[in-house]
């Protein structure tokens, strides 16, 4: 049985330099029709929890998840260049991922609060997407509860 290694993305593999919060604010604005008045609070939560909280703290009813998910994916794609220009790969992250790829019996994937499309954007911005098996990963669209994502990744693996 292979060893499964699950990586977080933000602040583990990459530094996003505030671009993630801009993505959430842009997704909120796309759905609500205006920018958020209350700040985005991430704190290691899933995209579902972050966006739900953002709508609530801005005094709005939460729209359906599919509407929010679509807006997040579009905002993530639109912020690719901002991420490339302002973010960076954290020291040792690329070499750690490359070492796991070379090691027989080990598989790397992600366990992240980001939705799948935005996880791909963040990794692709720095050429890390080919170093993990994204089909096994667990993403923030799967649950508002980040701890539930571990079981998702184990089942996929």
N, C-alpha and C. Protein backbone atom coordinates (compact mmCIF):
# COMPACT_ATOMS: atom_id res chain seq x y z
N UNK A 1 0.85 -1.17 0.00
CA UNK A 1 0.00 0.00 0.00
C UNK A 1 0.90 1.24 0.00
N UNK A 2 0.67 2.16 -0.94
CA UNK A 2 1.51 3.36 -0.99
C UNK A 2 1.23 4.30 0.19
N UNK A 3 2.24 5.07 0.50
CA UNK A 3 2.11 6.11 1.52
C UNK A 3 1.52 7.34 0.86
N UNK A 4 0.45 7.86 1.42
CA UNK A 4 -0.21 9.05 0.89
C UNK A 4 0.21 10.27 1.70
N UNK A 5 0.74 11.26 1.01
CA UNK A 5 1.14 12.51 1.64
C UNK A 5 0.21 13.59 1.13
N UNK A 6 -0.47 14.27 2.04
CA UNK A 6 -1.43 15.32 1.68
C UNK A 6 -0.86 16.67 2.12
N UNK A 7 -0.77 17.57 1.17
CA UNK A 7 -0.20 18.89 1.42
C UNK A 7 -1.30 19.94 1.44
N UNK A 8 -1.20 20.87 2.36
CA UNK A 8 -1.99 22.09 2.26
C UNK A 8 -1.29 22.95 1.21
N UNK A 9 -1.96 23.94 0.69
CA UNK A 9 -1.36 24.77 -0.36
C UNK A 9 -0.88 26.10 0.21
N UNK A 10 -1.83 26.92 0.67
CA UNK A 10 -1.47 28.26 1.16
C UNK A 10 -0.69 28.18 2.46
N UNK A 11 0.44 28.82 2.47
CA UNK A 11 1.33 28.92 3.64
C UNK A 11 2.01 27.60 4.00
N UNK A 12 1.87 26.60 3.11
CA UNK A 12 2.61 25.34 3.26
C UNK A 12 3.47 25.14 2.02
N UNK A 13 2.85 25.19 0.85
CA UNK A 13 3.59 25.08 -0.41
C UNK A 13 3.86 26.45 -1.02
N UNK A 14 2.90 27.35 -0.91
CA UNK A 14 3.07 28.69 -1.50
C UNK A 14 2.68 29.78 -0.52
N UNK A 15 3.17 30.97 -0.80
CA UNK A 15 2.70 32.19 -0.14
C UNK A 15 1.89 32.93 -1.18
N UNK A 16 0.63 33.23 -0.86
CA UNK A 16 -0.24 33.88 -1.85
C UNK A 16 -0.24 35.40 -1.72
N UNK A 17 0.38 35.95 -0.72
CA UNK A 17 0.55 37.40 -0.54
C UNK A 17 -0.76 38.19 -0.61
N UNK A 18 -1.81 37.63 -0.06
CA UNK A 18 -3.09 38.34 -0.02
C UNK A 18 -3.98 38.12 -1.23
N UNK A 19 -3.48 37.43 -2.24
CA UNK A 19 -4.28 37.21 -3.44
C UNK A 19 -5.51 36.37 -3.12
N UNK A 20 -5.39 35.41 -2.20
CA UNK A 20 -6.56 34.60 -1.84
C UNK A 20 -7.70 35.47 -1.34
N UNK A 21 -7.42 36.42 -0.48
CA UNK A 21 -8.47 37.29 0.03
C UNK A 21 -9.08 38.13 -1.08
N UNK A 22 -8.27 38.51 -2.06
CA UNK A 22 -8.80 39.23 -3.22
C UNK A 22 -9.73 38.35 -4.04
N UNK A 23 -9.42 37.07 -4.14
CA UNK A 23 -10.27 36.12 -4.86
C UNK A 23 -11.63 36.02 -4.17
N UNK A 24 -11.62 35.88 -2.84
CA UNK A 24 -12.89 35.80 -2.11
C UNK A 24 -13.70 37.07 -2.27
N UNK A 25 -13.05 38.22 -2.18
CA UNK A 25 -13.75 39.50 -2.32
C UNK A 25 -14.33 39.65 -3.72
N UNK A 26 -13.56 39.23 -4.74
CA UNK A 26 -14.05 39.31 -6.12
C UNK A 26 -15.24 38.38 -6.34
N UNK A 27 -15.18 37.18 -5.77
CA UNK A 27 -16.30 36.25 -5.90
C UNK A 27 -17.54 36.80 -5.21
N UNK A 28 -17.34 37.37 -4.03
CA UNK A 28 -18.46 37.98 -3.31
C UNK A 28 -19.08 39.09 -4.17
N UNK A 29 -18.24 39.96 -4.71
CA UNK A 29 -18.73 41.09 -5.52
C UNK A 29 -19.48 40.60 -6.76
N UNK A 30 -18.98 39.52 -7.36
CA UNK A 30 -19.65 38.99 -8.56
C UNK A 30 -21.05 38.49 -8.23
N UNK A 31 -21.22 37.93 -7.05
CA UNK A 31 -22.52 37.39 -6.66
C UNK A 31 -23.41 38.47 -6.06
N UNK A 32 -22.86 39.31 -5.19
CA UNK A 32 -23.66 40.30 -4.47
C UNK A 32 -23.89 41.58 -5.27
N UNK A 33 -23.03 41.85 -6.24
CA UNK A 33 -23.17 43.07 -7.02
C UNK A 33 -22.43 44.26 -6.43
N UNK A 34 -21.71 44.04 -5.33
CA UNK A 34 -20.90 45.10 -4.71
C UNK A 34 -19.81 44.44 -3.88
N UNK A 35 -18.73 45.16 -3.63
CA UNK A 35 -17.66 44.56 -2.81
C UNK A 35 -18.11 44.34 -1.37
N UNK A 36 -17.45 43.45 -0.67
CA UNK A 36 -17.82 43.24 0.73
C UNK A 36 -17.44 44.44 1.59
N UNK A 37 -18.28 44.73 2.58
CA UNK A 37 -17.98 45.80 3.54
C UNK A 37 -17.14 45.25 4.69
N UNK A 38 -17.43 44.03 5.09
CA UNK A 38 -16.67 43.35 6.15
C UNK A 38 -15.47 42.65 5.52
N UNK A 39 -14.35 42.59 6.21
CA UNK A 39 -13.16 41.94 5.64
C UNK A 39 -13.32 40.44 5.52
N UNK A 40 -12.55 39.88 4.59
CA UNK A 40 -12.50 38.44 4.41
C UNK A 40 -11.68 37.84 5.55
N UNK A 41 -12.21 36.80 6.18
CA UNK A 41 -11.50 36.08 7.24
C UNK A 41 -11.30 34.64 6.77
N UNK A 42 -10.05 34.25 6.65
CA UNK A 42 -9.77 32.90 6.16
C UNK A 42 -9.47 31.95 7.31
N UNK A 43 -8.40 32.15 8.03
CA UNK A 43 -8.09 31.37 9.22
C UNK A 43 -8.07 29.87 9.04
N UNK A 44 -7.60 29.36 7.88
CA UNK A 44 -7.47 27.92 7.71
C UNK A 44 -8.78 27.20 7.45
N UNK A 45 -9.82 27.95 7.12
CA UNK A 45 -11.12 27.31 6.88
C UNK A 45 -11.29 26.96 5.40
N UNK A 46 -12.36 26.24 5.11
CA UNK A 46 -12.65 25.88 3.72
C UNK A 46 -13.32 27.04 3.00
N UNK A 47 -13.26 26.99 1.67
CA UNK A 47 -13.91 28.03 0.87
C UNK A 47 -15.40 28.14 1.20
N UNK A 48 -16.03 27.01 1.44
CA UNK A 48 -17.47 27.04 1.79
C UNK A 48 -17.69 27.84 3.06
N UNK A 49 -16.88 27.58 4.08
CA UNK A 49 -17.03 28.28 5.36
C UNK A 49 -16.66 29.76 5.23
N UNK A 50 -15.60 30.04 4.49
CA UNK A 50 -15.16 31.43 4.32
C UNK A 50 -16.24 32.25 3.62
N UNK A 51 -16.77 31.73 2.54
CA UNK A 51 -17.77 32.48 1.78
C UNK A 51 -19.08 32.59 2.55
N UNK A 52 -19.49 31.54 3.23
CA UNK A 52 -20.71 31.60 4.04
C UNK A 52 -20.58 32.69 5.09
N UNK A 53 -19.45 32.72 5.77
CA UNK A 53 -19.19 33.73 6.79
C UNK A 53 -19.17 35.13 6.18
N UNK A 54 -18.58 35.27 5.01
CA UNK A 54 -18.48 36.57 4.35
C UNK A 54 -19.87 37.11 4.00
N UNK A 55 -20.73 36.27 3.47
CA UNK A 55 -22.09 36.72 3.17
C UNK A 55 -22.83 37.11 4.45
N UNK A 56 -22.71 36.29 5.47
CA UNK A 56 -23.40 36.55 6.74
C UNK A 56 -22.92 37.86 7.37
N UNK A 57 -21.61 38.07 7.43
CA UNK A 57 -21.07 39.28 8.06
C UNK A 57 -21.34 40.53 7.23
N UNK A 58 -21.72 40.34 5.98
CA UNK A 58 -22.10 41.48 5.14
C UNK A 58 -23.61 41.64 5.06
N UNK A 59 -24.33 40.91 5.92
CA UNK A 59 -25.77 41.07 6.03
C UNK A 59 -26.57 40.51 4.88
N UNK A 60 -26.02 39.54 4.17
CA UNK A 60 -26.72 38.95 3.02
C UNK A 60 -27.00 37.48 3.25
N UNK A 61 -28.10 37.03 2.69
CA UNK A 61 -28.38 35.59 2.71
C UNK A 61 -27.38 34.91 1.79
N UNK A 62 -26.94 33.75 2.21
CA UNK A 62 -25.99 33.01 1.40
C UNK A 62 -26.70 32.47 0.16
N UNK A 63 -26.12 32.71 -1.02
CA UNK A 63 -26.73 32.13 -2.24
C UNK A 63 -26.47 30.63 -2.28
N UNK A 64 -27.00 29.97 -3.25
CA UNK A 64 -26.72 28.55 -3.41
C UNK A 64 -25.24 28.32 -3.61
N UNK A 65 -24.74 27.18 -3.13
CA UNK A 65 -23.31 26.90 -3.20
C UNK A 65 -22.80 26.89 -4.64
N UNK A 66 -23.57 26.37 -5.57
CA UNK A 66 -23.09 26.30 -6.96
C UNK A 66 -22.82 27.70 -7.51
N UNK A 67 -23.65 28.66 -7.18
CA UNK A 67 -23.43 30.05 -7.60
C UNK A 67 -22.12 30.57 -7.01
N UNK A 68 -21.91 30.33 -5.75
CA UNK A 68 -20.70 30.79 -5.07
C UNK A 68 -19.48 30.06 -5.62
N UNK A 69 -19.58 28.76 -5.80
CA UNK A 69 -18.46 27.97 -6.31
C UNK A 69 -18.03 28.45 -7.69
N UNK A 70 -18.98 28.70 -8.54
CA UNK A 70 -18.69 29.19 -9.90
C UNK A 70 -17.99 30.55 -9.84
N UNK A 71 -18.49 31.45 -8.99
CA UNK A 71 -17.87 32.78 -8.85
C UNK A 71 -16.44 32.66 -8.31
N UNK A 72 -16.22 31.75 -7.37
CA UNK A 72 -14.87 31.53 -6.83
C UNK A 72 -13.92 31.03 -7.91
N UNK A 73 -14.38 30.09 -8.72
CA UNK A 73 -13.53 29.54 -9.78
C UNK A 73 -13.18 30.62 -10.80
N UNK A 74 -14.15 31.43 -11.17
CA UNK A 74 -13.89 32.52 -12.13
C UNK A 74 -12.93 33.55 -11.54
N UNK A 75 -13.12 33.89 -10.28
CA UNK A 75 -12.24 34.85 -9.63
C UNK A 75 -10.82 34.28 -9.50
N UNK A 76 -10.71 32.99 -9.19
CA UNK A 76 -9.40 32.36 -9.08
C UNK A 76 -8.65 32.42 -10.40
N UNK A 77 -9.31 32.06 -11.49
CA UNK A 77 -8.69 32.09 -12.81
C UNK A 77 -8.27 33.52 -13.18
N UNK A 78 -9.10 34.49 -12.83
CA UNK A 78 -8.80 35.88 -13.14
C UNK A 78 -7.62 36.43 -12.35
N UNK A 79 -7.28 35.79 -11.25
CA UNK A 79 -6.19 36.28 -10.38
C UNK A 79 -4.88 35.49 -10.57
N UNK A 80 -4.80 34.66 -11.59
CA UNK A 80 -3.60 33.86 -11.83
C UNK A 80 -2.35 34.73 -11.95
N UNK A 81 -2.42 35.76 -12.76
CA UNK A 81 -1.23 36.61 -12.96
C UNK A 81 -0.86 37.38 -11.70
N UNK A 82 -1.85 37.82 -10.93
CA UNK A 82 -1.56 38.50 -9.66
C UNK A 82 -0.84 37.54 -8.73
N UNK A 83 -1.26 36.31 -8.71
CA UNK A 83 -0.62 35.30 -7.88
C UNK A 83 0.81 35.07 -8.32
N UNK A 84 1.02 34.93 -9.63
CA UNK A 84 2.37 34.72 -10.16
C UNK A 84 3.30 35.89 -9.83
N UNK A 85 2.78 37.10 -9.93
CA UNK A 85 3.65 38.26 -9.74
C UNK A 85 3.91 38.59 -8.27
N UNK A 86 2.96 38.27 -7.39
CA UNK A 86 3.12 38.66 -5.99
C UNK A 86 3.40 37.50 -5.05
N UNK A 87 3.04 36.29 -5.45
CA UNK A 87 3.25 35.13 -4.58
C UNK A 87 4.57 34.43 -4.88
N UNK A 88 4.83 33.37 -4.12
CA UNK A 88 6.04 32.59 -4.35
C UNK A 88 5.90 31.20 -3.74
N UNK A 89 6.78 30.31 -4.22
CA UNK A 89 6.87 28.97 -3.65
C UNK A 89 7.67 29.08 -2.36
N UNK A 90 7.19 28.48 -1.32
CA UNK A 90 7.90 28.54 -0.04
C UNK A 90 9.19 27.71 -0.09
N UNK A 91 10.20 28.12 0.66
CA UNK A 91 11.48 27.42 0.65
C UNK A 91 11.31 25.93 0.97
N UNK A 92 11.90 25.10 0.13
CA UNK A 92 11.87 23.66 0.33
C UNK A 92 10.66 22.95 -0.24
N UNK A 93 9.62 23.70 -0.60
CA UNK A 93 8.38 23.06 -1.07
C UNK A 93 8.59 22.30 -2.37
N UNK A 94 9.20 22.94 -3.35
CA UNK A 94 9.40 22.26 -4.64
C UNK A 94 10.28 21.02 -4.46
N UNK A 95 11.37 21.16 -3.73
CA UNK A 95 12.27 20.01 -3.57
C UNK A 95 11.59 18.88 -2.80
N UNK A 96 10.74 19.21 -1.82
CA UNK A 96 10.00 18.17 -1.09
C UNK A 96 9.04 17.44 -2.02
N UNK A 97 8.31 18.18 -2.83
CA UNK A 97 7.38 17.56 -3.77
C UNK A 97 8.13 16.69 -4.78
N UNK A 98 9.25 17.19 -5.29
CA UNK A 98 10.04 16.43 -6.25
C UNK A 98 10.59 15.15 -5.62
N UNK A 99 10.99 15.22 -4.37
CA UNK A 99 11.52 14.04 -3.69
C UNK A 99 10.45 12.96 -3.55
N UNK A 100 9.23 13.36 -3.26
CA UNK A 100 8.14 12.38 -3.14
C UNK A 100 7.83 11.75 -4.49
N UNK A 101 7.87 12.54 -5.56
CA UNK A 101 7.63 12.00 -6.91
C UNK A 101 8.65 10.91 -7.23
N UNK A 102 9.88 11.11 -6.82
CA UNK A 102 10.95 10.14 -7.12
C UNK A 102 10.90 8.90 -6.23
N UNK A 103 10.19 8.96 -5.13
CA UNK A 103 10.18 7.88 -4.15
C UNK A 103 9.11 6.83 -4.50
N UNK A 104 9.52 5.59 -4.78
CA UNK A 104 8.51 4.57 -5.06
C UNK A 104 7.66 4.32 -3.81
N UNK A 105 6.40 4.07 -4.04
CA UNK A 105 5.51 3.77 -2.93
C UNK A 105 4.99 4.98 -2.19
N UNK A 106 5.18 6.18 -2.77
CA UNK A 106 4.65 7.40 -2.15
C UNK A 106 3.84 8.17 -3.18
N UNK A 107 2.74 8.74 -2.72
CA UNK A 107 1.88 9.56 -3.57
C UNK A 107 1.64 10.89 -2.87
N UNK A 108 1.79 11.97 -3.61
CA UNK A 108 1.49 13.30 -3.08
C UNK A 108 0.18 13.79 -3.66
N UNK A 109 -0.61 14.41 -2.81
CA UNK A 109 -1.80 15.11 -3.25
C UNK A 109 -2.02 16.28 -2.31
N UNK A 110 -3.20 16.86 -2.36
CA UNK A 110 -3.50 18.03 -1.53
C UNK A 110 -4.72 17.78 -0.67
N UNK A 111 -4.70 18.40 0.48
CA UNK A 111 -5.87 18.52 1.34
C UNK A 111 -5.94 20.00 1.65
N UNK A 112 -6.88 20.68 1.02
CA UNK A 112 -6.90 22.13 1.06
C UNK A 112 -8.32 22.66 1.21
N UNK A 113 -8.43 23.80 1.81
CA UNK A 113 -9.72 24.45 1.91
C UNK A 113 -10.16 25.08 0.61
N UNK A 114 -9.26 25.19 -0.36
CA UNK A 114 -9.58 25.77 -1.67
C UNK A 114 -10.49 24.83 -2.46
N UNK A 115 -11.32 25.39 -3.31
CA UNK A 115 -12.04 24.56 -4.27
C UNK A 115 -11.02 24.01 -5.27
N UNK A 116 -11.35 22.92 -5.93
CA UNK A 116 -10.43 22.28 -6.85
C UNK A 116 -9.84 23.19 -7.91
N UNK A 117 -10.68 23.94 -8.64
CA UNK A 117 -10.11 24.82 -9.68
C UNK A 117 -9.11 25.84 -9.13
N UNK A 118 -9.35 26.36 -7.94
CA UNK A 118 -8.43 27.36 -7.39
C UNK A 118 -7.17 26.71 -6.83
N UNK A 119 -7.28 25.47 -6.35
CA UNK A 119 -6.08 24.74 -5.95
C UNK A 119 -5.19 24.55 -7.17
N UNK A 120 -5.79 24.19 -8.29
CA UNK A 120 -5.02 24.00 -9.53
C UNK A 120 -4.36 25.30 -9.96
N UNK A 121 -5.10 26.40 -9.91
CA UNK A 121 -4.55 27.70 -10.29
C UNK A 121 -3.35 28.04 -9.43
N UNK A 122 -3.49 27.87 -8.13
CA UNK A 122 -2.41 28.23 -7.21
C UNK A 122 -1.16 27.39 -7.44
N UNK A 123 -1.34 26.11 -7.69
CA UNK A 123 -0.18 25.24 -7.94
C UNK A 123 0.40 25.50 -9.33
N UNK A 124 -0.46 25.67 -10.33
CA UNK A 124 0.01 25.91 -11.70
C UNK A 124 0.75 27.24 -11.82
N UNK A 125 0.37 28.22 -11.04
CA UNK A 125 1.03 29.52 -11.09
C UNK A 125 2.53 29.40 -10.87
N UNK A 126 2.94 28.36 -10.16
CA UNK A 126 4.35 28.18 -9.82
C UNK A 126 4.92 26.85 -10.34
N UNK A 127 4.17 26.19 -11.24
CA UNK A 127 4.65 24.95 -11.84
C UNK A 127 4.68 23.76 -10.88
N UNK A 128 3.85 23.79 -9.86
CA UNK A 128 3.81 22.69 -8.89
C UNK A 128 2.72 21.68 -9.19
N UNK A 129 1.81 22.00 -10.09
CA UNK A 129 0.64 21.15 -10.34
C UNK A 129 1.00 19.76 -10.85
N UNK A 130 2.10 19.62 -11.56
CA UNK A 130 2.51 18.31 -12.07
C UNK A 130 3.21 17.44 -11.04
N UNK A 131 3.41 17.98 -9.84
CA UNK A 131 4.12 17.25 -8.80
C UNK A 131 3.19 16.59 -7.78
N UNK A 132 1.88 16.76 -7.97
CA UNK A 132 0.90 16.15 -7.07
C UNK A 132 -0.20 15.51 -7.91
N UNK A 133 -0.84 14.49 -7.36
CA UNK A 133 -1.97 13.84 -8.02
C UNK A 133 -3.24 14.54 -7.56
N UNK A 134 -3.71 15.48 -8.36
CA UNK A 134 -4.87 16.28 -7.97
C UNK A 134 -6.18 15.49 -7.99
N UNK A 135 -6.20 14.33 -8.63
CA UNK A 135 -7.43 13.53 -8.65
C UNK A 135 -7.73 12.90 -7.29
N UNK A 136 -6.72 12.76 -6.46
CA UNK A 136 -6.90 12.17 -5.13
C UNK A 136 -7.25 13.23 -4.09
N UNK A 137 -6.91 14.46 -4.37
CA UNK A 137 -7.03 15.53 -3.38
C UNK A 137 -8.41 15.72 -2.80
N UNK A 138 -8.42 16.40 -1.68
CA UNK A 138 -9.67 16.78 -1.02
C UNK A 138 -9.71 18.30 -0.99
N UNK A 139 -10.86 18.85 -1.35
CA UNK A 139 -10.98 20.28 -1.59
C UNK A 139 -12.11 20.90 -0.78
N UNK A 140 -12.03 22.20 -0.62
CA UNK A 140 -12.98 22.94 0.20
C UNK A 140 -14.41 22.94 -0.29
N UNK A 141 -14.65 22.50 -1.50
CA UNK A 141 -16.03 22.40 -1.98
C UNK A 141 -16.73 21.21 -1.34
N UNK A 142 -15.95 20.25 -0.86
CA UNK A 142 -16.51 19.02 -0.33
C UNK A 142 -17.20 19.15 1.00
N UNK A 143 -16.79 20.13 1.80
CA UNK A 143 -17.36 20.28 3.13
C UNK A 143 -16.99 21.64 3.70
N UNK A 144 -17.83 22.17 4.55
CA UNK A 144 -17.47 23.38 5.29
C UNK A 144 -16.52 23.03 6.42
N UNK A 145 -16.51 21.77 6.83
CA UNK A 145 -15.68 21.28 7.92
C UNK A 145 -14.38 20.71 7.35
N UNK A 146 -13.29 21.39 7.57
CA UNK A 146 -12.01 20.98 7.00
C UNK A 146 -11.59 19.57 7.45
N UNK A 147 -11.88 19.21 8.68
CA UNK A 147 -11.46 17.89 9.18
C UNK A 147 -12.15 16.75 8.41
N UNK A 148 -13.29 16.99 7.83
CA UNK A 148 -13.99 15.96 7.05
C UNK A 148 -13.27 15.64 5.75
N UNK A 149 -12.37 16.51 5.34
CA UNK A 149 -11.69 16.33 4.08
C UNK A 149 -10.67 15.18 4.10
N UNK A 150 -10.17 14.83 5.26
CA UNK A 150 -9.21 13.72 5.36
C UNK A 150 -9.86 12.43 4.85
N UNK A 151 -11.05 12.14 5.29
CA UNK A 151 -11.74 10.93 4.84
C UNK A 151 -11.98 10.95 3.34
N UNK A 152 -12.28 12.11 2.80
CA UNK A 152 -12.49 12.24 1.35
C UNK A 152 -11.23 11.82 0.60
N UNK A 153 -10.09 12.33 1.02
CA UNK A 153 -8.83 12.00 0.35
C UNK A 153 -8.50 10.51 0.50
N UNK A 154 -8.76 9.95 1.67
CA UNK A 154 -8.47 8.52 1.89
C UNK A 154 -9.32 7.64 0.98
N UNK A 155 -10.60 7.98 0.84
CA UNK A 155 -11.49 7.21 -0.04
C UNK A 155 -11.01 7.31 -1.49
N UNK A 156 -10.65 8.51 -1.92
CA UNK A 156 -10.17 8.69 -3.31
C UNK A 156 -8.88 7.94 -3.56
N UNK A 157 -8.01 7.92 -2.59
CA UNK A 157 -6.72 7.22 -2.74
C UNK A 157 -6.95 5.72 -2.88
